[in-house]
Amino acid sequence: MGTKIAKALYFVTAMMFFAVLALDIAIPTLVLCTMALSTWLVSLDLPVSRKHGGEAA
């Protein structure tokens, strides 16, 4: 009986470890992708923000 409990405890511990490991990879990836996307959007040369020569600011 003790072996079944030990195996179940080991299984639950392993599941929790790999679930946290997946979150440890996914959350920084989402943050970095969001930062890269925002940098890319800011650096776009949009026609609205383009200043033409001779126009008043």
C-alpha atoms as a PDB file:
ATOM      1  CA  MET A   1       0.000   0.000   0.000  1.00  0.00           C
ATOM      2  CA  GLY A   2       2.839   2.387   0.801  1.00  0.00           C
ATOM      3  CA  THR A   3       4.368   1.905  -2.649  1.00  0.00           C
ATOM      4  CA  LYS A   4       1.157   2.996  -4.388  1.00  0.00           C
ATOM      5  CA  ILE A   5       1.024   6.159  -2.312  1.00  0.00           C
ATOM      6  CA  ALA A   6       4.715   6.844  -2.975  1.00  0.00           C
ATOM      7  CA  LYS A   7       4.235   6.318  -6.733  1.00  0.00           C
ATOM      8  CA  ALA A   8       1.168   8.577  -6.769  1.00  0.00           C
ATOM      9  CA  LEU A   9       3.037  11.258  -4.809  1.00  0.00           C
ATOM     10  CA  TYR A  10       6.016  10.989  -7.168  1.00  0.00           C
ATOM     11  CA  PHE A  11       3.692  11.233 -10.182  1.00  0.00           C
ATOM     12  CA  VAL A  12       1.912  14.339  -8.849  1.00  0.00           C
ATOM     13  CA  THR A  13       5.243  15.954  -7.970  1.00  0.00           C
ATOM     14  CA  ALA A  14       6.598  15.280 -11.461  1.00  0.00           C
ATOM     15  CA  MET A  15       3.427  16.694 -13.065  1.00  0.00           C
ATOM     16  CA  MET A  16       3.676  19.861 -10.988  1.00  0.00           C
ATOM     17  CA  PHE A  17       7.373  20.248 -11.807  1.00  0.00           C
ATOM     18  CA  PHE A  18       6.822  20.000 -15.568  1.00  0.00           C
ATOM     19  CA  ALA A  19       3.748  22.251 -15.463  1.00  0.00           C
ATOM     20  CA  VAL A  20       5.750  24.958 -13.683  1.00  0.00           C
ATOM     21  CA  LEU A  21       8.650  24.405 -16.080  1.00  0.00           C
ATOM     22  CA  ALA A  22       6.333  25.002 -19.037  1.00  0.00           C
ATOM     23  CA  LEU A  23       5.070  28.231 -17.456  1.00  0.00           C
ATOM     24  CA  ASP A  24       8.649  29.249 -16.739  1.00  0.00           C
ATOM     25  CA  ILE A  25       9.315  29.069 -20.485  1.00  0.00           C
ATOM     26  CA  ALA A  26       5.988  30.371 -21.825  1.00  0.00           C
ATOM     27  CA  ILE A  27       5.563  33.547 -19.764  1.00  0.00           C
ATOM     28  CA  PRO A  28       8.988  35.096 -20.548  1.00  0.00           C
ATOM     29  CA  THR A  29       8.454  34.149 -24.200  1.00  0.00           C
ATOM     30  CA  LEU A  30       5.154  36.029 -24.284  1.00  0.00           C
ATOM     31  CA  VAL A  31       6.724  39.045 -22.593  1.00  0.00           C
ATOM     32  CA  LEU A  32       9.653  39.120 -25.011  1.00  0.00           C
ATOM     33  CA  CYS A  33       7.362  38.699 -28.028  1.00  0.00           C
ATOM     34  CA  THR A  34       5.178  41.560 -26.810  1.00  0.00           C
ATOM     35  CA  MET A  35       8.217  43.774 -26.331  1.00  0.00           C
ATOM     36  CA  ALA A  36       9.533  42.931 -29.807  1.00  0.00           C
ATOM     37  CA  LEU A  37       6.135  43.587 -31.372  1.00  0.00           C
ATOM     38  CA  SER A  38       5.800  46.948 -29.636  1.00  0.00           C
ATOM     39  CA  THR A  39       9.314  47.935 -30.738  1.00  0.00           C
ATOM     40  CA  TRP A  40       8.479  46.912 -34.295  1.00  0.00           C
ATOM     41  CA  LEU A  41       5.215  48.878 -34.265  1.00  0.00           C
ATOM     42  CA  VAL A  42       6.907  52.005 -32.919  1.00  0.00           C
ATOM     43  CA  SER A  43       9.685  51.828 -35.499  1.00  0.00           C
ATOM     44  CA  LEU A  44       7.310  51.536 -38.474  1.00  0.00           C
ATOM     45  CA  ASP A  45       7.386  54.448 -40.851  1.00  0.00           C
ATOM     46  CA  LEU A  46       3.696  55.277 -40.866  1.00  0.00           C
ATOM     47  CA  PRO A  47       2.400  57.900 -43.311  1.00  0.00           C
ATOM     48  CA  VAL A  48       0.598  59.706 -40.464  1.00  0.00           C
ATOM     49  CA  SER A  49       3.805  60.358 -38.553  1.00  0.00           C
ATOM     50  CA  ARG A  50       5.870  61.265 -41.633  1.00  0.00           C
ATOM     51  CA  LYS A  51       6.744  64.945 -41.873  1.00  0.00           C
ATOM     52  CA  HIS A  52       6.984  66.400 -45.359  1.00  0.00           C
ATOM     53  CA  GLY A  53       9.455  69.133 -46.173  1.00  0.00           C
ATOM     54  CA  GLY A  54       8.080  72.648 -46.007  1.00  0.00           C
ATOM     55  CA  GLU A  55       5.207  71.888 -43.657  1.00  0.00           C
ATOM     56  CA  ALA A  56       4.830  73.686 -40.373  1.00  0.00           C
ATOM     57  CA  ALA A  57       5.339  71.508 -37.319  1.00  0.00           C
END
